[in-house]
ModelCIF file with pLDDT and N, C-alpha, C, O atoms, coordinates in Angstrom:
data_MODEL
#
_entry.id   MODEL 
#
_entity.id                         1 
_entity.type                       polymer 
_entity.pdbx_number_of_molecules   1 
#
_entity_poly.entity_id                      1 
_entity_poly.type                           'polypeptide(L)' 
_entity_poly.nstd_linkage                   no 
_entity_poly.nstd_monomer                   no 
_entity_poly.pdbx_seq_one_letter_code       
;(UNK)(UNK)(UNK)(UNK)(UNK)(UNK)(UNK)(UNK)(UNK)(UNK)(UNK)(UNK)(UNK)(UNK)(UNK)(UNK)
(UNK)(UNK)(UNK)(UNK)(UNK)(UNK)(UNK)(UNK)(UNK)(UNK)(UNK)(UNK)(UNK)(UNK)(UNK)(UNK)
(UNK)(UNK)(UNK)(UNK)(UNK)(UNK)(UNK)(UNK)(UNK)(UNK)(UNK)(UNK)(UNK)(UNK)(UNK)(UNK)
;
_entity_poly.pdbx_seq_one_letter_code_can   XXXXXXXXXXXXXXXXXXXXXXXXXXXXXXXXXXXXXXXXXXXXXXXX 
_entity_poly.pdbx_strand_id                 A 
#
loop_
_entity_poly_seq.entity_id 
_entity_poly_seq.num 
_entity_poly_seq.mon_id 
_entity_poly_seq.hetero 
1 1  UNK n 
1 2  UNK n 
1 3  UNK n 
1 4  UNK n 
1 5  UNK n 
1 6  UNK n 
1 7  UNK n 
1 8  UNK n 
1 9  UNK n 
1 10 UNK n 
1 11 UNK n 
1 12 UNK n 
1 13 UNK n 
1 14 UNK n 
1 15 UNK n 
1 16 UNK n 
1 17 UNK n 
1 18 UNK n 
1 19 UNK n 
1 20 UNK n 
1 21 UNK n 
1 22 UNK n 
1 23 UNK n 
1 24 UNK n 
1 25 UNK n 
1 26 UNK n 
1 27 UNK n 
1 28 UNK n 
1 29 UNK n 
1 30 UNK n 
1 31 UNK n 
1 32 UNK n 
1 33 UNK n 
1 34 UNK n 
1 35 UNK n 
1 36 UNK n 
1 37 UNK n 
1 38 UNK n 
1 39 UNK n 
1 40 UNK n 
1 41 UNK n 
1 42 UNK n 
1 43 UNK n 
1 44 UNK n 
1 45 UNK n 
1 46 UNK n 
1 47 UNK n 
1 48 UNK n 
#
_struct_asym.id          A 
_struct_asym.entity_id   1 
#
loop_
_ma_qa_metric.id 
_ma_qa_metric.mode 
_ma_qa_metric.name 
_ma_qa_metric.software_group_id 
_ma_qa_metric.type 
1 global pLDDT . pLDDT 
2 local  pLDDT . pLDDT 
#
_ma_qa_metric_global.metric_id      1 
_ma_qa_metric_global.metric_value   92.33 
_ma_qa_metric_global.model_id       1 
_ma_qa_metric_global.ordinal_id     1 
#
loop_
_ma_qa_metric_local.label_asym_id 
_ma_qa_metric_local.label_comp_id 
_ma_qa_metric_local.label_seq_id 
_ma_qa_metric_local.metric_id 
_ma_qa_metric_local.metric_value 
_ma_qa_metric_local.model_id 
_ma_qa_metric_local.ordinal_id 
A UNK 1  2 96.00 1 1  
A UNK 2  2 97.00 1 2  
A UNK 3  2 97.00 1 3  
A UNK 4  2 96.00 1 4  
A UNK 5  2 97.00 1 5  
A UNK 6  2 97.00 1 6  
A UNK 7  2 96.00 1 7  
A UNK 8  2 96.00 1 8  
A UNK 9  2 97.00 1 9  
A UNK 10 2 96.00 1 10 
A UNK 11 2 94.00 1 11 
A UNK 12 2 96.00 1 12 
A UNK 13 2 96.00 1 13 
A UNK 14 2 92.00 1 14 
A UNK 15 2 93.00 1 15 
A UNK 16 2 96.00 1 16 
A UNK 17 2 94.00 1 17 
A UNK 18 2 91.00 1 18 
A UNK 19 2 96.00 1 19 
A UNK 20 2 97.00 1 20 
A UNK 21 2 94.00 1 21 
A UNK 22 2 95.00 1 22 
A UNK 23 2 97.00 1 23 
A UNK 24 2 96.00 1 24 
A UNK 25 2 95.00 1 25 
A UNK 26 2 96.00 1 26 
A UNK 27 2 96.00 1 27 
A UNK 28 2 95.00 1 28 
A UNK 29 2 96.00 1 29 
A UNK 30 2 96.00 1 30 
A UNK 31 2 95.00 1 31 
A UNK 32 2 95.00 1 32 
A UNK 33 2 95.00 1 33 
A UNK 34 2 95.00 1 34 
A UNK 35 2 95.00 1 35 
A UNK 36 2 94.00 1 36 
A UNK 37 2 93.00 1 37 
A UNK 38 2 93.00 1 38 
A UNK 39 2 92.00 1 39 
A UNK 40 2 88.00 1 40 
A UNK 41 2 83.00 1 41 
A UNK 42 2 84.00 1 42 
A UNK 43 2 84.00 1 43 
A UNK 44 2 82.00 1 44 
A UNK 45 2 81.00 1 45 
A UNK 46 2 81.00 1 46 
A UNK 47 2 71.00 1 47 
A UNK 48 2 65.00 1 48 
#
loop_
_atom_site.group_PDB 
_atom_site.id 
_atom_site.type_symbol 
_atom_site.label_atom_id 
_atom_site.label_alt_id 
_atom_site.label_comp_id 
_atom_site.label_asym_id 
_atom_site.label_entity_id 
_atom_site.label_seq_id 
_atom_site.pdbx_PDB_ins_code 
_atom_site.Cartn_x 
_atom_site.Cartn_y 
_atom_site.Cartn_z 
_atom_site.occupancy 
_atom_site.B_iso_or_equiv 
_atom_site.pdbx_formal_charge 
_atom_site.auth_seq_id 
_atom_site.auth_comp_id 
_atom_site.auth_asym_id 
_atom_site.auth_atom_id 
_atom_site.pdbx_PDB_model_num 
ATOM 1   N N  . UNK A 1 1  ? -12.991 -12.327 -30.232 1.00 96.00 ? 1  UNK A N  1 
ATOM 2   C CA . UNK A 1 1  ? -13.110 -10.901 -29.893 1.00 96.00 ? 1  UNK A CA 1 
ATOM 3   C C  . UNK A 1 1  ? -13.773 -10.671 -28.537 1.00 96.00 ? 1  UNK A C  1 
ATOM 4   O O  . UNK A 1 1  ? -13.346 -9.799  -27.780 1.00 96.00 ? 1  UNK A O  1 
ATOM 5   N N  . UNK A 1 2  ? -14.810 -11.443 -28.226 1.00 97.00 ? 2  UNK A N  1 
ATOM 6   C CA . UNK A 1 2  ? -15.463 -11.275 -26.929 1.00 97.00 ? 2  UNK A CA 1 
ATOM 7   C C  . UNK A 1 2  ? -14.571 -11.794 -25.798 1.00 97.00 ? 2  UNK A C  1 
ATOM 8   O O  . UNK A 1 2  ? -14.555 -11.222 -24.708 1.00 97.00 ? 2  UNK A O  1 
ATOM 9   N N  . UNK A 1 3  ? -13.834 -12.870 -26.054 1.00 97.00 ? 3  UNK A N  1 
ATOM 10  C CA . UNK A 1 3  ? -12.872 -13.357 -25.064 1.00 97.00 ? 3  UNK A CA 1 
ATOM 11  C C  . UNK A 1 3  ? -11.892 -12.261 -24.684 1.00 97.00 ? 3  UNK A C  1 
ATOM 12  O O  . UNK A 1 3  ? -11.585 -12.069 -23.507 1.00 97.00 ? 3  UNK A O  1 
ATOM 13  N N  . UNK A 1 4  ? -11.396 -11.535 -25.697 1.00 96.00 ? 4  UNK A N  1 
ATOM 14  C CA . UNK A 1 4  ? -10.424 -10.478 -25.440 1.00 96.00 ? 4  UNK A CA 1 
ATOM 15  C C  . UNK A 1 4  ? -11.038 -9.331  -24.649 1.00 96.00 ? 4  UNK A C  1 
ATOM 16  O O  . UNK A 1 4  ? -10.391 -8.764  -23.768 1.00 96.00 ? 4  UNK A O  1 
ATOM 17  N N  . UNK A 1 5  ? -12.290 -8.986  -24.961 1.00 97.00 ? 5  UNK A N  1 
ATOM 18  C CA . UNK A 1 5  ? -12.977 -7.925  -24.220 1.00 97.00 ? 5  UNK A CA 1 
ATOM 19  C C  . UNK A 1 5  ? -13.085 -8.286  -22.736 1.00 97.00 ? 5  UNK A C  1 
ATOM 20  O O  . UNK A 1 5  ? -12.754 -7.489  -21.859 1.00 97.00 ? 5  UNK A O  1 
ATOM 21  N N  . UNK A 1 6  ? -13.556 -9.504  -22.482 1.00 97.00 ? 6  UNK A N  1 
ATOM 22  C CA . UNK A 1 6  ? -13.741 -9.948  -21.094 1.00 97.00 ? 6  UNK A CA 1 
ATOM 23  C C  . UNK A 1 6  ? -12.399 -10.003 -20.375 1.00 97.00 ? 6  UNK A C  1 
ATOM 24  O O  . UNK A 1 6  ? -12.264 -9.525  -19.249 1.00 97.00 ? 6  UNK A O  1 
ATOM 25  N N  . UNK A 1 7  ? -11.401 -10.597 -21.045 1.00 96.00 ? 7  UNK A N  1 
ATOM 26  C CA . UNK A 1 7  ? -10.085 -10.742 -20.422 1.00 96.00 ? 7  UNK A CA 1 
ATOM 27  C C  . UNK A 1 7  ? -9.458  -9.388  -20.120 1.00 96.00 ? 7  UNK A C  1 
ATOM 28  O O  . UNK A 1 7  ? -8.864  -9.205  -19.057 1.00 96.00 ? 7  UNK A O  1 
ATOM 29  N N  . UNK A 1 8  ? -9.582  -8.440  -21.041 1.00 96.00 ? 8  UNK A N  1 
ATOM 30  C CA . UNK A 1 8  ? -8.996  -7.114  -20.824 1.00 96.00 ? 8  UNK A CA 1 
ATOM 31  C C  . UNK A 1 8  ? -9.631  -6.408  -19.639 1.00 96.00 ? 8  UNK A C  1 
ATOM 32  O O  . UNK A 1 8  ? -8.934  -5.815  -18.816 1.00 96.00 ? 8  UNK A O  1 
ATOM 33  N N  . UNK A 1 9  ? -10.962 -6.471  -19.553 1.00 97.00 ? 9  UNK A N  1 
ATOM 34  C CA . UNK A 1 9  ? -11.662 -5.827  -18.440 1.00 97.00 ? 9  UNK A CA 1 
ATOM 35  C C  . UNK A 1 9  ? -11.227 -6.420  -17.106 1.00 97.00 ? 9  UNK A C  1 
ATOM 36  O O  . UNK A 1 9  ? -10.860 -5.684  -16.190 1.00 97.00 ? 9  UNK A O  1 
ATOM 37  N N  . UNK A 1 10 ? -11.265 -7.757  -16.991 1.00 96.00 ? 10 UNK A N  1 
ATOM 38  C CA . UNK A 1 10 ? -10.947 -8.397  -15.722 1.00 96.00 ? 10 UNK A CA 1 
ATOM 39  C C  . UNK A 1 10 ? -9.463  -8.289  -15.387 1.00 96.00 ? 10 UNK A C  1 
ATOM 40  O O  . UNK A 1 10 ? -9.098  -8.219  -14.213 1.00 96.00 ? 10 UNK A O  1 
ATOM 41  N N  . UNK A 1 11 ? -8.605  -8.275  -16.404 1.00 94.00 ? 11 UNK A N  1 
ATOM 42  C CA . UNK A 1 11 ? -7.178  -8.097  -16.153 1.00 94.00 ? 11 UNK A CA 1 
ATOM 43  C C  . UNK A 1 11 ? -6.895  -6.704  -15.604 1.00 94.00 ? 11 UNK A C  1 
ATOM 44  O O  . UNK A 1 11 ? -6.110  -6.552  -14.669 1.00 94.00 ? 11 UNK A O  1 
ATOM 45  N N  . UNK A 1 12 ? -7.538  -5.679  -16.188 1.00 96.00 ? 12 UNK A N  1 
ATOM 46  C CA . UNK A 1 12 ? -7.378  -4.313  -15.677 1.00 96.00 ? 12 UNK A CA 1 
ATOM 47  C C  . UNK A 1 12 ? -7.856  -4.211  -14.232 1.00 96.00 ? 12 UNK A C  1 
ATOM 48  O O  . UNK A 1 12 ? -7.214  -3.569  -13.401 1.00 96.00 ? 12 UNK A O  1 
ATOM 49  N N  . UNK A 1 13 ? -8.980  -4.846  -13.944 1.00 96.00 ? 13 UNK A N  1 
ATOM 50  C CA . UNK A 1 13 ? -9.516  -4.806  -12.582 1.00 96.00 ? 13 UNK A CA 1 
ATOM 51  C C  . UNK A 1 13 ? -8.601  -5.565  -11.621 1.00 96.00 ? 13 UNK A C  1 
ATOM 52  O O  . UNK A 1 13 ? -8.377  -5.121  -10.495 1.00 96.00 ? 13 UNK A O  1 
ATOM 53  N N  . UNK A 1 14 ? -8.073  -6.709  -12.065 1.00 92.00 ? 14 UNK A N  1 
ATOM 54  C CA . UNK A 1 14 ? -7.134  -7.468  -11.223 1.00 92.00 ? 14 UNK A CA 1 
ATOM 55  C C  . UNK A 1 14 ? -5.879  -6.658  -10.942 1.00 92.00 ? 14 UNK A C  1 
ATOM 56  O O  . UNK A 1 14 ? -5.362  -6.675  -9.825  1.00 92.00 ? 14 UNK A O  1 
ATOM 57  N N  . UNK A 1 15 ? -5.385  -5.945  -11.954 1.00 93.00 ? 15 UNK A N  1 
ATOM 58  C CA . UNK A 1 15 ? -4.205  -5.102  -11.752 1.00 93.00 ? 15 UNK A CA 1 
ATOM 59  C C  . UNK A 1 15 ? -4.504  -3.970  -10.778 1.00 93.00 ? 15 UNK A C  1 
ATOM 60  O O  . UNK A 1 15 ? -3.666  -3.618  -9.948  1.00 93.00 ? 15 UNK A O  1 
ATOM 61  N N  . UNK A 1 16 ? -5.706  -3.401  -10.884 1.00 96.00 ? 16 UNK A N  1 
ATOM 62  C CA . UNK A 1 16 ? -6.108  -2.327  -9.965  1.00 96.00 ? 16 UNK A CA 1 
ATOM 63  C C  . UNK A 1 16 ? -6.181  -2.853  -8.533  1.00 96.00 ? 16 UNK A C  1 
ATOM 64  O O  . UNK A 1 16 ? -5.779  -2.167  -7.594  1.00 96.00 ? 16 UNK A O  1 
ATOM 65  N N  . UNK A 1 17 ? -6.694  -4.070  -8.371  1.00 94.00 ? 17 UNK A N  1 
ATOM 66  C CA . UNK A 1 17 ? -6.774  -4.689  -7.044  1.00 94.00 ? 17 UNK A CA 1 
ATOM 67  C C  . UNK A 1 17 ? -5.379  -4.916  -6.480  1.00 94.00 ? 17 UNK A C  1 
ATOM 68  O O  . UNK A 1 17 ? -5.138  -4.670  -5.298  1.00 94.00 ? 17 UNK A O  1 
ATOM 69  N N  . UNK A 1 18 ? -4.460  -5.384  -7.319  1.00 91.00 ? 18 UNK A N  1 
ATOM 70  C CA . UNK A 1 18 ? -3.092  -5.620  -6.858  1.00 91.00 ? 18 UNK A CA 1 
ATOM 71  C C  . UNK A 1 18 ? -2.421  -4.299  -6.467  1.00 91.00 ? 18 UNK A C  1 
ATOM 72  O O  . UNK A 1 18 ? -1.697  -4.247  -5.473  1.00 91.00 ? 18 UNK A O  1 
ATOM 73  N N  . UNK A 1 19 ? -2.654  -3.242  -7.233  1.00 96.00 ? 19 UNK A N  1 
ATOM 74  C CA . UNK A 1 19 ? -2.103  -1.930  -6.870  1.00 96.00 ? 19 UNK A CA 1 
ATOM 75  C C  . UNK A 1 19 ? -2.661  -1.460  -5.528  1.00 96.00 ? 19 UNK A C  1 
ATOM 76  O O  . UNK A 1 19 ? -1.935  -0.901  -4.707  1.00 96.00 ? 19 UNK A O  1 
ATOM 77  N N  . UNK A 1 20 ? -3.950  -1.691  -5.315  1.00 97.00 ? 20 UNK A N  1 
ATOM 78  C CA . UNK A 1 20 ? -4.576  -1.305  -4.057  1.00 97.00 ? 20 UNK A CA 1 
ATOM 79  C C  . UNK A 1 20 ? -3.987  -2.100  -2.897  1.00 97.00 ? 20 UNK A C  1 
ATOM 80  O O  . UNK A 1 20 ? -3.738  -1.554  -1.822  1.00 97.00 ? 20 UNK A O  1 
ATOM 81  N N  . UNK A 1 21 ? -3.769  -3.383  -3.123  1.00 94.00 ? 21 UNK A N  1 
ATOM 82  C CA . UNK A 1 21 ? -3.180  -4.228  -2.085  1.00 94.00 ? 21 UNK A CA 1 
ATOM 83  C C  . UNK A 1 21 ? -1.764  -3.758  -1.748  1.00 94.00 ? 21 UNK A C  1 
ATOM 84  O O  . UNK A 1 21 ? -1.390  -3.710  -0.576  1.00 94.00 ? 21 UNK A O  1 
ATOM 85  N N  . UNK A 1 22 ? -0.989  -3.418  -2.750  1.00 95.00 ? 22 UNK A N  1 
ATOM 86  C CA . UNK A 1 22 ? 0.376   -2.947  -2.512  1.00 95.00 ? 22 UNK A CA 1 
ATOM 87  C C  . UNK A 1 22 ? 0.375   -1.594  -1.788  1.00 95.00 ? 22 UNK A C  1 
ATOM 88  O O  . UNK A 1 22 ? 1.251   -1.332  -0.963  1.00 95.00 ? 22 UNK A O  1 
ATOM 89  N N  . UNK A 1 23 ? -0.601  -0.744  -2.094  1.00 97.00 ? 23 UNK A N  1 
ATOM 90  C CA . UNK A 1 23 ? -0.721  0.532   -1.397  1.00 97.00 ? 23 UNK A CA 1 
ATOM 91  C C  . UNK A 1 23 ? -0.967  0.308   0.091   1.00 97.00 ? 23 UNK A C  1 
ATOM 92  O O  . UNK A 1 23 ? -0.360  0.976   0.929   1.00 97.00 ? 23 UNK A O  1 
ATOM 93  N N  . UNK A 1 24 ? -1.845  -0.620  0.419   1.00 96.00 ? 24 UNK A N  1 
ATOM 94  C CA . UNK A 1 24 ? -2.147  -0.917  1.827   1.00 96.00 ? 24 UNK A CA 1 
ATOM 95  C C  . UNK A 1 24 ? -0.916  -1.472  2.528   1.00 96.00 ? 24 UNK A C  1 
ATOM 96  O O  . UNK A 1 24 ? -0.623  -1.097  3.663   1.00 96.00 ? 24 UNK A O  1 
ATOM 97  N N  . UNK A 1 25 ? -0.197  -2.361  1.857   1.00 95.00 ? 25 UNK A N  1 
ATOM 98  C CA . UNK A 1 25 ? 1.035   -2.914  2.431   1.00 95.00 ? 25 UNK A CA 1 
ATOM 99  C C  . UNK A 1 25 ? 2.033   -1.799  2.723   1.00 95.00 ? 25 UNK A C  1 
ATOM 100 O O  . UNK A 1 25 ? 2.667   -1.784  3.778   1.00 95.00 ? 25 UNK A O  1 
ATOM 101 N N  . UNK A 1 26 ? 2.170   -0.852  1.767   1.00 96.00 ? 26 UNK A N  1 
ATOM 102 C CA . UNK A 1 26 ? 3.103   0.259   1.948   1.00 96.00 ? 26 UNK A CA 1 
ATOM 103 C C  . UNK A 1 26 ? 2.682   1.156   3.109   1.00 96.00 ? 26 UNK A C  1 
ATOM 104 O O  . UNK A 1 26 ? 3.524   1.596   3.891   1.00 96.00 ? 26 UNK A O  1 
ATOM 105 N N  . UNK A 1 27 ? 1.374   1.431   3.223   1.00 96.00 ? 27 UNK A N  1 
ATOM 106 C CA . UNK A 1 27 ? 0.894   2.267   4.329   1.00 96.00 ? 27 UNK A CA 1 
ATOM 107 C C  . UNK A 1 27 ? 1.151   1.611   5.680   1.00 96.00 ? 27 UNK A C  1 
ATOM 108 O O  . UNK A 1 27 ? 1.563   2.278   6.630   1.00 96.00 ? 27 UNK A O  1 
ATOM 109 N N  . UNK A 1 28 ? 0.912   0.318   5.765   1.00 95.00 ? 28 UNK A N  1 
ATOM 110 C CA . UNK A 1 28 ? 1.135   -0.399  7.018   1.00 95.00 ? 28 UNK A CA 1 
ATOM 111 C C  . UNK A 1 28 ? 2.623   -0.423  7.376   1.00 95.00 ? 28 UNK A C  1 
ATOM 112 O O  . UNK A 1 28 ? 2.997   -0.290  8.541   1.00 95.00 ? 28 UNK A O  1 
ATOM 113 N N  . UNK A 1 29 ? 3.454   -0.594  6.362   1.00 96.00 ? 29 UNK A N  1 
ATOM 114 C CA . UNK A 1 29 ? 4.900   -0.587  6.603   1.00 96.00 ? 29 UNK A CA 1 
ATOM 115 C C  . UNK A 1 29 ? 5.349   0.787   7.076   1.00 96.00 ? 29 UNK A C  1 
ATOM 116 O O  . UNK A 1 29 ? 6.161   0.895   7.994   1.00 96.00 ? 29 UNK A O  1 
ATOM 117 N N  . UNK A 1 30 ? 4.821   1.842   6.450   1.00 96.00 ? 30 UNK A N  1 
ATOM 118 C CA . UNK A 1 30 ? 5.184   3.203   6.838   1.00 96.00 ? 30 UNK A CA 1 
ATOM 119 C C  . UNK A 1 30 ? 4.725   3.491   8.269   1.00 96.00 ? 30 UNK A C  1 
ATOM 120 O O  . UNK A 1 30 ? 5.436   4.127   9.047   1.00 96.00 ? 30 UNK A O  1 
ATOM 121 N N  . UNK A 1 31 ? 3.530   3.012   8.596   1.00 95.00 ? 31 UNK A N  1 
ATOM 122 C CA . UNK A 1 31 ? 3.016   3.225   9.950   1.00 95.00 ? 31 UNK A CA 1 
ATOM 123 C C  . UNK A 1 31 ? 3.889   2.517   10.979  1.00 95.00 ? 31 UNK A C  1 
ATOM 124 O O  . UNK A 1 31 ? 4.207   3.088   12.022  1.00 95.00 ? 31 UNK A O  1 
ATOM 125 N N  . UNK A 1 32 ? 4.279   1.269   10.690  1.00 95.00 ? 32 UNK A N  1 
ATOM 126 C CA . UNK A 1 32 ? 5.156   0.552   11.629  1.00 95.00 ? 32 UNK A CA 1 
ATOM 127 C C  . UNK A 1 32 ? 6.456   1.307   11.841  1.00 95.00 ? 32 UNK A C  1 
ATOM 128 O O  . UNK A 1 32 ? 6.961   1.389   12.960  1.00 95.00 ? 32 UNK A O  1 
ATOM 129 N N  . UNK A 1 33 ? 7.000   1.864   10.752  1.00 95.00 ? 33 UNK A N  1 
ATOM 130 C CA . UNK A 1 33 ? 8.220   2.645   10.878  1.00 95.00 ? 33 UNK A CA 1 
ATOM 131 C C  . UNK A 1 33 ? 8.018   3.894   11.708  1.00 95.00 ? 33 UNK A C  1 
ATOM 132 O O  . UNK A 1 33 ? 8.883   4.264   12.502  1.00 95.00 ? 33 UNK A O  1 
ATOM 133 N N  . UNK A 1 34 ? 6.858   4.561   11.526  1.00 95.00 ? 34 UNK A N  1 
ATOM 134 C CA . UNK A 1 34 ? 6.562   5.776   12.287  1.00 95.00 ? 34 UNK A CA 1 
ATOM 135 C C  . UNK A 1 34 ? 6.416   5.463   13.770  1.00 95.00 ? 34 UNK A C  1 
ATOM 136 O O  . UNK A 1 34 ? 6.917   6.202   14.618  1.00 95.00 ? 34 UNK A O  1 
ATOM 137 N N  . UNK A 1 35 ? 5.728   4.368   14.082  1.00 95.00 ? 35 UNK A N  1 
ATOM 138 C CA . UNK A 1 35 ? 5.554   3.975   15.486  1.00 95.00 ? 35 UNK A CA 1 
ATOM 139 C C  . UNK A 1 35 ? 6.911   3.710   16.130  1.00 95.00 ? 35 UNK A C  1 
ATOM 140 O O  . UNK A 1 35 ? 7.199   4.206   17.220  1.00 95.00 ? 35 UNK A O  1 
ATOM 141 N N  . UNK A 1 36 ? 7.738   2.926   15.448  1.00 94.00 ? 36 UNK A N  1 
ATOM 142 C CA . UNK A 1 36 ? 9.057   2.601   16.005  1.00 94.00 ? 36 UNK A CA 1 
ATOM 143 C C  . UNK A 1 36 ? 9.918   3.849   16.153  1.00 94.00 ? 36 UNK A C  1 
ATOM 144 O O  . UNK A 1 36 ? 10.635  3.989   17.144  1.00 94.00 ? 36 UNK A O  1 
ATOM 145 N N  . UNK A 1 37 ? 9.857   4.753   15.185  1.00 93.00 ? 37 UNK A N  1 
ATOM 146 C CA . UNK A 1 37 ? 10.667  5.967   15.212  1.00 93.00 ? 37 UNK A CA 1 
ATOM 147 C C  . UNK A 1 37 ? 10.267  6.870   16.375  1.00 93.00 ? 37 UNK A C  1 
ATOM 148 O O  . UNK A 1 37 ? 11.122  7.438   17.054  1.00 93.00 ? 37 UNK A O  1 
ATOM 149 N N  . UNK A 1 38 ? 8.967   6.996   16.597  1.00 93.00 ? 38 UNK A N  1 
ATOM 150 C CA . UNK A 1 38 ? 8.481   7.900   17.651  1.00 93.00 ? 38 UNK A CA 1 
ATOM 151 C C  . UNK A 1 38 ? 8.683   7.305   19.032  1.00 93.00 ? 38 UNK A C  1 
ATOM 152 O O  . UNK A 1 38 ? 9.199   7.974   19.927  1.00 93.00 ? 38 UNK A O  1 
ATOM 153 N N  . UNK A 1 39 ? 8.277   6.038   19.218  1.00 92.00 ? 39 UNK A N  1 
ATOM 154 C CA . UNK A 1 39 ? 8.304   5.451   20.560  1.00 92.00 ? 39 UNK A CA 1 
ATOM 155 C C  . UNK A 1 39 ? 9.697   5.032   20.995  1.00 92.00 ? 39 UNK A C  1 
ATOM 156 O O  . UNK A 1 39 ? 9.917   4.745   22.172  1.00 92.00 ? 39 UNK A O  1 
ATOM 157 N N  . UNK A 1 40 ? 10.644  4.992   20.061  1.00 88.00 ? 40 UNK A N  1 
ATOM 158 C CA . UNK A 1 40 ? 12.042  4.729   20.449  1.00 88.00 ? 40 UNK A CA 1 
ATOM 159 C C  . UNK A 1 40 ? 12.752  6.011   20.853  1.00 88.00 ? 40 UNK A C  1 
ATOM 160 O O  . UNK A 1 40 ? 13.911  5.982   21.269  1.00 88.00 ? 40 UNK A O  1 
ATOM 161 N N  . UNK A 1 41 ? 12.046  7.156   20.729  1.00 83.00 ? 41 UNK A N  1 
ATOM 162 C CA . UNK A 1 41 ? 12.620  8.429   21.131  1.00 83.00 ? 41 UNK A CA 1 
ATOM 163 C C  . UNK A 1 41 ? 13.470  9.104   20.080  1.00 83.00 ? 41 UNK A C  1 
ATOM 164 O O  . UNK A 1 41 ? 14.198  10.047  20.390  1.00 83.00 ? 41 UNK A O  1 
ATOM 165 N N  . UNK A 1 42 ? 13.395  8.634   18.816  1.00 84.00 ? 42 UNK A N  1 
ATOM 166 C CA . UNK A 1 42 ? 14.230  9.194   17.757  1.00 84.00 ? 42 UNK A CA 1 
ATOM 167 C C  . UNK A 1 42 ? 13.568  10.356  17.030  1.00 84.00 ? 42 UNK A C  1 
ATOM 168 O O  . UNK A 1 42 ? 14.227  11.066  16.271  1.00 84.00 ? 42 UNK A O  1 
ATOM 169 N N  . UNK A 1 43 ? 12.282  10.557  17.251  1.00 84.00 ? 43 UNK A N  1 
ATOM 170 C CA . UNK A 1 43 ? 11.565  11.611  16.546  1.00 84.00 ? 43 UNK A CA 1 
ATOM 171 C C  . UNK A 1 43 ? 11.844  12.968  17.192  1.00 84.00 ? 43 UNK A C  1 
ATOM 172 O O  . UNK A 1 43 ? 11.591  13.162  18.381  1.00 84.00 ? 43 UNK A O  1 
ATOM 173 N N  . UNK A 1 44 ? 12.363  13.895  16.405  1.00 82.00 ? 44 UNK A N  1 
ATOM 174 C CA . UNK A 1 44 ? 12.649  15.240  16.913  1.00 82.00 ? 44 UNK A CA 1 
ATOM 175 C C  . UNK A 1 44 ? 11.364  15.938  17.322  1.00 82.00 ? 44 UNK A C  1 
ATOM 176 O O  . UNK A 1 44 ? 11.349  16.703  18.286  1.00 82.00 ? 44 UNK A O  1 
ATOM 177 N N  . UNK A 1 45 ? 10.291  15.677  16.596  1.00 81.00 ? 45 UNK A N  1 
ATOM 178 C CA . UNK A 1 45 ? 9.019   16.359  16.863  1.00 81.00 ? 45 UNK A CA 1 
ATOM 179 C C  . UNK A 1 45 ? 8.423   15.978  18.210  1.00 81.00 ? 45 UNK A C  1 
ATOM 180 O O  . UNK A 1 45 ? 7.754   16.797  18.840  1.00 81.00 ? 45 UNK A O  1 
ATOM 181 N N  . UNK A 1 46 ? 8.658   14.727  18.670  1.00 81.00 ? 46 UNK A N  1 
ATOM 182 C CA . UNK A 1 46 ? 7.994   14.261  19.899  1.00 81.00 ? 46 UNK A CA 1 
ATOM 183 C C  . UNK A 1 46 ? 8.969   13.933  21.033  1.00 81.00 ? 46 UNK A C  1 
ATOM 184 O O  . UNK A 1 46 ? 8.550   13.842  22.187  1.00 81.00 ? 46 UNK A O  1 
ATOM 185 N N  . UNK A 1 47 ? 10.250  13.755  20.733  1.00 71.00 ? 47 UNK A N  1 
ATOM 186 C CA . UNK A 1 47 ? 11.191  13.302  21.755  1.00 71.00 ? 47 UNK A CA 1 
ATOM 187 C C  . UNK A 1 47 ? 11.773  14.464  22.541  1.00 71.00 ? 47 UNK A C  1 
ATOM 188 O O  . UNK A 1 47 ? 12.956  14.776  22.409  1.00 71.00 ? 47 UNK A O  1 
ATOM 189 N N  . UNK A 1 48 ? 10.958  15.095  23.343  1.00 65.00 ? 48 UNK A N  1 
ATOM 190 C CA . UNK A 1 48 ? 11.435  16.135  24.256  1.00 65.00 ? 48 UNK A CA 1 
ATOM 191 C C  . UNK A 1 48 ? 11.970  15.412  25.491  1.00 65.00 ? 48 UNK A C  1 
ATOM 192 O O  . UNK A 1 48 ? 12.439  16.056  26.430  1.00 65.00 ? 48 UNK A O  1 
#
């Protein structure tokens, strides 16, 4: 029973860490896309 308690807590925390890591990866990917979109002159908002 105590093994299960410990494992459940740390597994939930590990899953939360993985979700956080994936969020950061997604933000960085989105930023790279935004940089390329704007500086290539494709952005309507900035490409005057």
